[in-house]
Amino acid sequence: MSAFGADPTVRPMSLTASLDDSSVTAAPGEETALPLRILNSGSTVEEYRFEVVGACAAWSTVEPATLSLYPGDSQTVSLVLRPPRDSTVLAGETTFGIRVVPTSEQGDTVVPEGRVTVLPFTETTAELVPRSSHGAWRGRHQLAVDNRGNTPATVRLGAQSGTERARVTFAADALQIAPGRAEFGKLRIRPAKRVWRGTPVTHPFQVVATPVVAEGQDPVAPVVLDGSYQQEPILPRWLPRALITAAVLLIALVGLWYALLRPAVKSAAREAITPDAVRSAAAADKSKAPDNGSTAGTGSGGGDSSGANGGSPKPSPSPSPGASDGATAAAAAAPTSAQVQVRDSVGGGSNTSTALQVPSGHTFQLTDIVVQNPQGDAGTLVVSSGRGAPVLRLALENFRDSDYHFVTPILVPAGGKVTMTVDCRKVGKPVNAPTPSRCAESLFLGGTMRTDTAG
């Protein structure tokens, strides 16, 4: 029984078909013709059609495709084999059959068989990926080799540098590639010397992929590819600029500290000096003053130096005639502080309150003033010493807390008053609190109450 469905030992009496040669060799990409003789041994005119069966049917035809014969006549048709020159048809031997089918008697089919040997061929292509590389330490590439032939290929890999300043090596010296497949060879370029800084250096090189052909085959030209590796400096170009930029930023931050943050810290320290702290310090100095003299004198009794809410401070006790010079100096210049709060309604005119009134026989040396506008009111605030021009004239909307310190004290003579006058135009609104009905400002002052000595 034939492999293609017919028994070659049984021949119908009306048809005879035979190949001139049962074995043929076909080269990929070329045509090969094999004669097939047809004999009509019947008694009627017959038309025959031909079908190629087997693995080579896709690239084989019979010419002509149909044939008409008179009884007793014979003619020859050709089996034309055209194997493509690619990896889809592998090299080697394969069987085929030609089915000869009579038009009138389709059951009297004849299938002569043969063998075709497809010759091997080698064809490779290669691509360097990437063509150019860069880096400070080494360059990395891959050589992609495609086997476009119809037989397994062995490809030897080689490389050479265009200069002596770099060495090119492959991870493997050869690649085994199946038909229609691709394999990758890893390639490294190592420079002979390091470049720490400066201009990058370019190293050109070549890679060669040489197919190994079997005996009897024509030699195949190797594939030569050019590539390059750019060796970059280890220290990047932007490093000096980055260092300069960092230095400029550091200087700017230091300047910002001295220009903005440091004054804010000083202001916070000044605000920490509350009237209670100043009064406590003054009381401590008074308690220590009698211990500085050799003989303690008896005084006429101390008074409170605070003039808060319009009160007048009493002078410090005078030392007895037998007191020492140190005790006299301490009693003659006593630290004094006072505070006052003024409330004023909108549209009702200004309101004035006295913070301190200087007693008879004394002179007050004013050195420190702290004014507070906690509600954020709008209007005018005037601090006056009772004689001459006001000490301070401020717009309330310009501050919340403000302090003033005088190197040269402002002298307020006996009987003089330090007052604060507020003229409210708009009542402020504290954060997270109900809106008050009146403006409210506070004044705190500090200085030294000096006892006048007779000339």
Protein backbone atom coordinates (compact mmCIF):
# COMPACT_ATOMS: atom_id res chain seq x y z
CA MET A 1 0.00 0.00 0.00
CA SER A 2 1.38 3.46 -0.92
CA ALA A 3 1.96 6.13 1.68
CA PHE A 4 -0.26 8.45 -0.36
CA GLY A 5 -3.33 6.18 -0.59
CA ALA A 6 -2.72 4.03 -3.71
CA ASP A 7 -1.33 0.57 -4.24
CA PRO A 8 1.58 0.85 -6.68
CA THR A 9 1.32 -2.87 -7.58
CA VAL A 10 -2.25 -2.52 -8.96
CA ARG A 11 -2.44 -0.62 -12.22
CA PRO A 12 -5.67 0.17 -14.07
CA MET A 13 -5.60 -1.00 -17.66
CA SER A 14 -6.56 2.48 -18.98
CA LEU A 15 -3.75 4.57 -17.34
CA THR A 16 -0.02 4.28 -16.85
CA ALA A 17 2.08 6.98 -15.08
CA SER A 18 5.80 6.81 -14.29
CA LEU A 19 8.56 9.15 -13.22
CA ASP A 20 11.76 9.28 -15.21
CA ASP A 21 13.69 9.40 -11.92
CA SER A 22 12.33 8.55 -8.50
CA SER A 23 14.92 10.66 -6.69
CA VAL A 24 15.77 14.31 -7.33
CA THR A 25 17.86 17.07 -5.70
CA ALA A 26 16.48 20.62 -5.34
CA ALA A 27 18.43 23.74 -4.45
CA PRO A 28 16.63 26.39 -2.36
CA GLY A 29 15.65 29.39 -4.44
CA GLU A 30 15.96 27.48 -7.75
CA GLU A 31 13.67 25.46 -10.01
CA THR A 32 14.06 21.74 -10.54
CA ALA A 33 11.93 19.84 -13.11
CA LEU A 34 11.20 16.11 -12.95
CA PRO A 35 9.50 14.49 -16.04
CA LEU A 36 6.34 12.39 -15.54
CA ARG A 37 5.17 10.18 -18.49
CA ILE A 38 1.41 9.55 -18.92
CA LEU A 39 0.02 6.75 -21.18
CA ASN A 40 -3.68 6.40 -22.09
CA SER A 41 -4.08 2.66 -22.61
CA GLY A 42 -7.86 2.87 -22.70
CA SER A 43 -10.23 2.96 -25.65
CA THR A 44 -11.59 6.49 -25.17
CA VAL A 45 -10.22 9.98 -25.06
CA GLU A 46 -9.38 10.85 -21.46
CA GLU A 47 -8.46 14.04 -19.56
CA TYR A 48 -6.16 13.83 -16.57
CA ARG A 49 -5.52 16.29 -13.74
CA PHE A 50 -2.56 16.21 -11.34
CA GLU A 51 -2.19 16.80 -7.59
CA VAL A 52 1.12 16.89 -5.68
CA VAL A 53 0.90 15.32 -2.23
CA GLY A 54 3.45 15.36 0.57
CA ALA A 55 5.51 17.97 2.40
CA CYS A 56 6.67 19.57 -0.83
CA ALA A 57 3.14 20.23 -2.13
CA ALA A 58 3.31 23.89 -0.99
CA TRP A 59 6.25 24.63 -3.28
CA SER A 60 5.64 22.16 -6.13
CA THR A 61 3.39 22.22 -9.24
CA VAL A 62 2.73 20.03 -12.27
CA GLU A 63 2.91 21.74 -15.65
CA PRO A 64 0.55 21.55 -17.38
CA ALA A 65 -2.06 21.12 -14.69
CA THR A 66 -4.34 18.98 -16.98
CA LEU A 67 -3.66 16.73 -19.95
CA SER A 68 -5.97 15.15 -22.64
CA LEU A 69 -4.86 11.97 -24.44
CA TYR A 70 -6.32 9.89 -27.26
CA PRO A 71 -6.39 6.16 -26.79
CA GLY A 72 -2.92 4.73 -27.07
CA ASP A 73 -1.21 8.16 -26.88
CA SER A 74 1.39 9.19 -24.27
CA GLN A 75 2.84 12.55 -23.26
CA THR A 76 5.19 13.93 -20.65
CA VAL A 77 4.38 16.54 -17.97
CA SER A 78 6.87 18.14 -15.57
CA LEU A 79 6.90 18.19 -11.80
CA VAL A 80 8.46 21.59 -11.00
CA LEU A 81 10.04 21.89 -7.52
CA ARG A 82 10.68 25.43 -6.18
CA PRO A 83 11.87 25.20 -2.54
CA PRO A 84 12.10 28.73 -1.06
CA ARG A 85 15.44 30.06 0.09
CA ASP A 86 14.52 30.56 3.74
CA SER A 87 14.35 28.66 7.00
CA THR A 88 10.80 27.35 6.48
CA VAL A 89 11.99 24.41 4.37
CA LEU A 90 14.70 22.48 6.20
CA ALA A 91 17.51 20.75 4.39
CA GLY A 92 17.16 16.98 3.92
CA GLU A 93 15.17 14.30 2.13
CA THR A 94 11.40 14.12 1.92
CA THR A 95 8.99 11.89 -0.04
CA PHE A 96 6.28 13.08 -2.37
CA GLY A 97 3.57 11.68 -4.61
CA ILE A 98 1.78 12.84 -7.77
CA ARG A 99 -1.85 11.88 -7.87
CA VAL A 100 -3.02 11.38 -11.50
CA VAL A 101 -6.83 11.51 -11.58
CA PRO A 102 -8.79 10.66 -14.78
CA THR A 103 -11.79 12.96 -15.22
CA SER A 104 -14.23 10.26 -16.32
CA GLU A 105 -12.94 7.44 -14.16
CA GLN A 106 -11.84 9.11 -10.89
CA GLY A 107 -11.56 5.77 -9.20
CA ASP A 108 -8.70 4.75 -11.54
CA THR A 109 -6.21 7.04 -9.79
CA VAL A 110 -2.45 6.46 -10.09
CA VAL A 111 0.05 7.92 -7.54
CA PRO A 112 3.69 7.59 -8.62
CA GLU A 113 6.06 8.38 -5.72
CA GLY A 114 9.53 9.84 -5.42
CA ARG A 115 12.03 11.49 -3.10
CA VAL A 116 13.36 15.01 -3.16
CA THR A 117 16.49 16.11 -1.32
CA VAL A 118 16.61 19.83 -0.40
CA LEU A 119 20.19 21.04 -0.38
CA PRO A 120 21.42 22.97 2.68
CA PHE A 121 22.41 26.62 2.55
CA THR A 122 23.81 28.98 5.16
CA GLU A 123 22.76 32.60 5.52
CA THR A 124 23.23 34.73 8.61
CA THR A 125 22.62 38.36 9.51
CA ALA A 126 23.84 40.24 12.58
CA GLU A 127 23.06 43.46 14.41
CA LEU A 128 24.99 45.24 17.18
CA VAL A 129 22.70 46.45 19.99
CA PRO A 130 23.29 49.24 20.83
CA ARG A 131 25.60 50.52 18.13
CA SER A 132 27.11 53.08 20.55
CA SER A 133 27.41 52.91 24.34
CA HIS A 134 28.76 55.19 27.06
CA GLY A 135 29.85 54.91 30.67
CA ALA A 136 32.67 55.68 33.07
CA TRP A 137 33.80 52.09 33.73
CA ARG A 138 32.86 49.88 30.74
CA GLY A 139 30.64 49.57 27.70
CA ARG A 140 28.09 46.78 27.22
CA HIS A 141 26.68 45.57 23.89
CA GLN A 142 24.91 42.53 22.46
CA LEU A 143 25.49 40.98 19.05
CA ALA A 144 22.21 39.55 17.72
CA VAL A 145 22.84 36.85 15.07
CA ASP A 146 19.93 35.49 12.98
CA ASN A 147 20.14 32.12 11.17
CA ARG A 148 18.15 32.59 7.96
CA GLY A 149 19.40 29.31 6.48
CA ASN A 150 17.73 25.89 6.45
CA THR A 151 20.27 24.06 8.56
CA PRO A 152 21.72 24.63 12.07
CA ALA A 153 24.60 27.09 12.01
CA THR A 154 27.69 27.61 14.09
CA VAL A 155 28.86 31.23 14.13
CA ARG A 156 32.27 32.23 15.50
CA LEU A 157 32.48 35.63 17.18
CA GLY A 158 35.45 37.96 17.14
CA ALA A 159 36.18 41.59 17.91
CA GLN A 160 39.00 44.06 17.73
CA SER A 161 39.46 47.59 19.04
CA GLY A 162 40.38 50.45 16.77
CA THR A 163 42.97 51.65 19.30
CA GLU A 164 45.14 50.17 22.01
CA ARG A 165 43.30 52.10 24.72
CA ALA A 166 40.46 49.59 25.07
CA ARG A 167 39.97 45.81 25.07
CA VAL A 168 36.92 44.11 23.52
CA THR A 169 35.85 40.63 24.64
CA PHE A 170 32.89 38.28 24.10
CA ALA A 171 31.36 36.19 26.86
CA ALA A 172 31.33 33.18 24.43
CA ASP A 173 33.49 32.59 21.34
CA ALA A 174 30.73 30.91 19.27
CA LEU A 175 26.96 30.61 18.97
CA GLN A 176 24.88 27.57 18.00
CA ILE A 177 21.78 28.78 16.15
CA ALA A 178 18.83 26.69 14.95
CA PRO A 179 17.22 27.52 11.57
CA GLY A 180 14.95 30.54 11.79
CA ARG A 181 16.17 31.45 15.28
CA ALA A 182 18.38 34.19 16.74
CA GLU A 183 20.98 34.07 19.49
CA PHE A 184 22.75 36.86 21.38
CA GLY A 185 26.43 37.20 22.18
CA LYS A 186 27.35 39.51 25.08
CA LEU A 187 30.15 41.99 24.41
CA ARG A 188 32.16 44.16 26.83
CA ILE A 189 34.58 47.02 26.20
CA ARG A 190 37.00 47.87 29.00
CA PRO A 191 39.23 50.96 28.77
CA ALA A 192 42.90 50.60 29.64
CA LYS A 193 42.98 53.79 31.76
CA ARG A 194 40.41 55.63 33.85
CA VAL A 195 39.37 59.19 33.06
CA TRP A 196 38.64 61.06 36.28
CA ARG A 197 37.60 64.39 34.80
CA GLY A 198 37.70 66.25 31.53
CA THR A 199 36.53 65.43 27.99
CA PRO A 200 35.02 61.99 27.21
CA VAL A 201 37.12 59.60 25.10
CA THR A 202 35.61 57.61 22.18
CA HIS A 203 36.87 54.05 21.49
CA PRO A 204 35.85 52.62 18.06
CA PHE A 205 35.77 48.84 17.54
CA GLN A 206 34.65 46.12 15.12
CA VAL A 207 32.85 42.82 15.67
CA VAL A 208 32.93 39.90 13.22
CA ALA A 209 30.41 37.04 12.98
CA THR A 210 31.77 34.19 10.79
CA PRO A 211 29.49 31.23 9.91
CA VAL A 212 31.12 27.80 9.84
CA VAL A 213 30.08 25.93 6.65
CA ALA A 214 30.18 22.18 6.09
CA GLU A 215 32.40 20.52 3.53
CA GLY A 216 31.15 20.91 0.00
CA GLN A 217 29.30 24.13 0.67
CA ASP A 218 30.35 27.45 -0.69
CA PRO A 219 32.08 29.68 1.86
CA VAL A 220 29.97 32.42 3.43
CA ALA A 221 31.31 35.92 3.88
CA PRO A 222 31.54 37.01 7.54
CA VAL A 223 29.35 39.83 8.88
CA VAL A 224 31.43 42.85 10.02
CA LEU A 225 29.86 45.56 12.20
CA ASP A 226 31.28 48.82 13.52
CA GLY A 227 30.57 50.11 17.02
CA SER A 228 31.85 52.68 19.49
CA TYR A 229 32.16 53.17 23.23
CA GLN A 230 32.36 56.64 24.78
CA GLN A 231 34.33 56.61 28.00
CA GLU A 232 33.00 59.31 30.29
CA PRO A 233 34.91 60.89 33.20
CA ILE A 234 34.27 59.39 36.62
CA LEU A 235 33.62 62.82 38.13
CA PRO A 236 30.69 64.32 36.19
CA ARG A 237 30.81 67.79 34.68
CA TRP A 238 28.00 69.07 36.86
CA LEU A 239 29.84 68.31 40.13
CA PRO A 240 31.77 71.65 40.36
CA ARG A 241 28.58 73.59 39.59
CA ALA A 242 26.69 71.58 42.19
CA LEU A 243 29.35 72.33 44.82
CA ILE A 244 29.28 76.05 43.97
CA THR A 245 25.47 76.06 44.10
CA ALA A 246 25.51 74.30 47.48
CA ALA A 247 28.01 76.87 48.84
CA VAL A 248 25.84 79.76 47.60
CA LEU A 249 22.76 78.22 49.21
CA LEU A 250 24.63 77.77 52.48
CA ILE A 251 25.71 81.42 52.45
CA ALA A 252 22.14 82.48 51.64
CA LEU A 253 20.79 80.44 54.55
CA VAL A 254 23.31 81.98 56.93
CA GLY A 255 22.36 85.44 55.69
CA LEU A 256 18.69 84.60 56.12
CA TRP A 257 19.36 83.55 59.70
CA TYR A 258 21.10 86.80 60.57
CA ALA A 259 18.56 88.91 58.66
CA LEU A 260 15.26 87.35 59.78
CA LEU A 261 15.44 84.51 62.26
CA ARG A 262 17.97 85.97 64.70
CA PRO A 263 16.01 89.26 65.20
CA ALA A 264 12.88 87.17 65.78
CA VAL A 265 14.67 85.25 68.52
CA LYS A 266 15.85 88.50 70.12
CA SER A 267 12.31 89.91 69.97
CA ALA A 268 10.97 86.78 71.65
CA ALA A 269 13.56 87.18 74.38
CA ARG A 270 12.54 90.78 74.92
CA GLU A 271 8.88 89.84 75.07
CA ALA A 272 9.78 87.37 77.80
CA ILE A 273 10.69 90.37 80.02
CA THR A 274 7.29 90.86 81.61
CA PRO A 275 6.41 93.55 84.16
CA ASP A 276 6.22 90.93 86.89
CA ALA A 277 9.77 89.78 86.08
CA VAL A 278 11.09 93.35 86.22
CA ARG A 279 9.33 94.04 89.55
CA SER A 280 10.75 90.81 91.00
CA ALA A 281 14.25 91.81 89.92
CA ALA A 282 13.80 95.29 91.43
CA ALA A 283 12.60 93.82 94.74
CA ALA A 284 15.62 91.51 94.82
CA ASP A 285 17.99 94.45 94.25
CA LYS A 286 16.34 96.44 97.08
CA SER A 287 16.67 93.54 99.50
CA LYS A 288 20.39 93.27 98.75
CA ALA A 289 21.13 97.00 98.83
CA PRO A 290 21.63 97.44 102.67
CA ASP A 291 24.21 94.61 102.72
CA ASN A 292 26.60 96.60 100.49
CA GLY A 293 27.35 99.29 103.13
CA SER A 294 29.50 98.94 106.24
CA THR A 295 26.79 100.45 108.49
CA ALA A 296 23.08 99.78 107.89
CA GLY A 297 20.87 102.83 108.26
CA THR A 298 17.24 102.93 109.06
CA GLY A 299 14.87 104.40 106.51
CA SER A 300 11.53 106.01 106.66
CA GLY A 301 9.77 102.98 105.18
CA GLY A 302 9.59 101.70 101.56
CA GLY A 303 6.76 102.25 99.15
CA ASP A 304 5.50 100.35 96.09
CA SER A 305 7.13 101.69 92.94
CA SER A 306 4.38 100.39 90.71
CA GLY A 307 2.20 103.04 89.09
CA ALA A 308 -0.15 100.64 87.40
CA ASN A 309 -3.60 101.91 86.46
CA GLY A 310 -2.71 105.54 87.17
CA GLY A 311 -1.11 105.01 90.63
CA SER A 312 1.95 107.08 91.66
CA PRO A 313 5.01 105.20 92.92
CA LYS A 314 6.44 106.23 96.28
CA PRO A 315 10.13 107.12 96.51
CA SER A 316 12.59 104.62 97.84
CA PRO A 317 13.51 105.02 101.56
CA SER A 318 16.27 107.52 102.22
CA PRO A 319 19.30 106.26 104.11
CA SER A 320 20.16 107.56 107.54
CA PRO A 321 23.03 110.06 107.91
CA GLY A 322 25.35 107.28 109.02
CA ALA A 323 24.82 105.11 105.93
CA SER A 324 27.78 104.27 103.71
CA ASP A 325 28.32 105.62 100.17
CA GLY A 326 27.29 102.26 98.66
CA ALA A 327 24.01 102.15 100.51
CA THR A 328 23.32 105.80 99.58
CA ALA A 329 23.95 105.08 95.86
CA ALA A 330 21.69 102.03 95.95
CA ALA A 331 18.88 103.92 97.65
CA ALA A 332 19.31 107.00 95.39
CA ALA A 333 18.75 104.99 92.15
CA ALA A 334 16.12 102.27 92.55
CA PRO A 335 14.79 100.27 89.55
CA THR A 336 11.17 101.18 88.98
CA SER A 337 8.47 99.79 86.67
CA ALA A 338 4.81 100.56 86.07
CA GLN A 339 2.01 99.54 83.76
CA VAL A 340 -1.39 100.78 82.70
CA GLN A 341 -4.23 99.59 80.46
CA VAL A 342 -6.45 101.99 78.53
CA ARG A 343 -9.85 101.09 77.08
CA ASP A 344 -11.55 103.35 74.60
CA SER A 345 -14.78 103.13 72.62
CA VAL A 346 -15.13 103.94 68.93
CA GLY A 347 -16.29 107.53 68.29
CA GLY A 348 -16.16 108.58 71.93
CA GLY A 349 -12.97 110.64 71.75
CA SER A 350 -9.60 109.69 73.17
CA ASN A 351 -9.02 108.22 76.61
CA THR A 352 -5.92 108.87 78.73
CA SER A 353 -4.55 107.05 81.79
CA THR A 354 -1.45 107.63 83.89
CA ALA A 355 1.07 104.84 84.23
CA LEU A 356 3.47 106.59 86.63
CA GLN A 357 3.67 109.91 88.56
CA VAL A 358 7.08 110.97 89.85
CA PRO A 359 7.05 111.84 93.59
CA SER A 360 8.45 115.01 94.99
CA GLY A 361 12.24 115.06 95.35
CA HIS A 362 12.77 112.38 92.69
CA THR A 363 13.55 112.14 89.00
CA PHE A 364 12.46 109.17 86.92
CA GLN A 365 14.89 107.91 84.25
CA LEU A 366 12.72 106.20 81.57
CA THR A 367 14.72 103.54 79.63
CA ASP A 368 12.21 100.88 78.48
CA ILE A 369 8.73 101.01 76.96
CA VAL A 370 6.58 98.03 75.88
CA VAL A 371 3.19 98.66 74.24
CA GLN A 372 0.71 95.89 73.42
CA ASN A 373 -2.27 95.73 71.05
CA PRO A 374 -3.50 92.15 71.61
CA GLN A 375 -6.87 92.62 69.86
CA GLY A 376 -5.44 94.11 66.68
CA ASP A 377 -7.30 97.42 67.12
CA ALA A 378 -6.98 100.36 64.72
CA GLY A 379 -6.41 103.91 65.90
CA THR A 380 -3.74 106.05 67.55
CA LEU A 381 -1.62 105.50 70.67
CA VAL A 382 0.44 108.30 72.26
CA VAL A 383 2.91 107.88 75.13
CA SER A 384 3.76 111.18 76.80
CA SER A 385 6.01 112.25 79.67
CA GLY A 386 4.01 115.40 80.39
CA ARG A 387 6.49 117.93 79.06
CA GLY A 388 7.46 118.73 75.49
CA ALA A 389 6.74 116.44 72.54
CA PRO A 390 5.25 112.98 73.09
CA VAL A 391 7.69 110.15 73.68
CA LEU A 392 5.90 107.84 71.19
CA ARG A 393 3.10 108.27 68.65
CA LEU A 394 2.01 104.98 67.06
CA ALA A 395 -0.72 103.68 64.74
CA LEU A 396 -2.37 100.68 66.37
CA GLU A 397 -2.86 98.80 63.10
CA ASN A 398 0.93 98.66 62.61
CA PHE A 399 1.76 96.41 65.56
CA ARG A 400 0.55 93.90 68.10
CA ASP A 401 3.57 94.02 70.43
CA SER A 402 6.32 96.62 70.22
CA ASP A 403 9.19 97.42 72.54
CA TYR A 404 11.57 100.39 72.74
CA HIS A 405 14.81 100.74 74.67
CA PHE A 406 16.69 104.00 75.14
CA VAL A 407 20.43 104.20 75.63
CA THR A 408 20.06 107.75 76.97
CA PRO A 409 17.24 107.76 79.55
CA ILE A 410 14.28 110.10 79.16
CA LEU A 411 14.15 112.21 82.35
CA VAL A 412 10.76 112.80 83.97
CA PRO A 413 11.11 115.38 86.80
CA ALA A 414 9.28 115.43 90.13
CA GLY A 415 5.56 115.83 89.65
CA GLY A 416 5.75 114.66 86.04
CA LYS A 417 3.49 111.93 84.72
CA VAL A 418 3.98 109.18 82.11
CA THR A 419 0.62 108.73 80.40
CA MET A 420 -0.88 106.73 77.51
CA THR A 421 -3.66 108.16 75.32
CA VAL A 422 -5.70 105.93 73.02
CA ASP A 423 -7.99 107.15 70.22
CA CYS A 424 -9.93 104.11 68.92
CA ARG A 425 -11.14 104.05 65.30
CA LYS A 426 -11.92 100.34 64.93
CA VAL A 427 -12.11 97.48 67.43
CA GLY A 428 -10.08 94.44 66.42
CA LYS A 429 -11.21 90.83 66.55
CA PRO A 430 -9.03 88.29 68.38
CA VAL A 431 -8.60 84.83 66.85
CA ASN A 432 -11.13 82.26 68.05
CA ALA A 433 -12.75 84.77 70.43
CA PRO A 434 -15.83 87.00 70.37
CA THR A 435 -15.39 90.56 69.16
CA PRO A 436 -14.89 92.95 72.13
CA SER A 437 -16.84 96.20 72.46
CA ARG A 438 -13.89 98.54 73.08
CA CYS A 439 -10.26 98.95 72.10
CA ALA A 440 -7.84 97.77 74.79
CA GLU A 441 -4.12 98.63 74.86
CA SER A 442 -1.47 98.11 77.53
CA LEU A 443 1.67 100.07 78.42
CA PHE A 444 4.59 98.79 80.44
CA LEU A 445 7.51 101.02 81.29
CA GLY A 446 10.73 100.51 83.17
CA GLY A 447 13.55 102.67 84.39
CA THR A 448 15.29 104.05 87.49
CA MET A 449 13.76 106.30 90.18
CA ARG A 450 16.57 108.62 91.29
CA THR A 451 16.49 110.61 94.53
CA ASP A 452 17.41 114.23 93.95
CA THR A 453 20.28 115.36 96.18
CA ALA A 454 20.51 118.93 97.53
CA GLY A 455 23.12 121.08 95.81
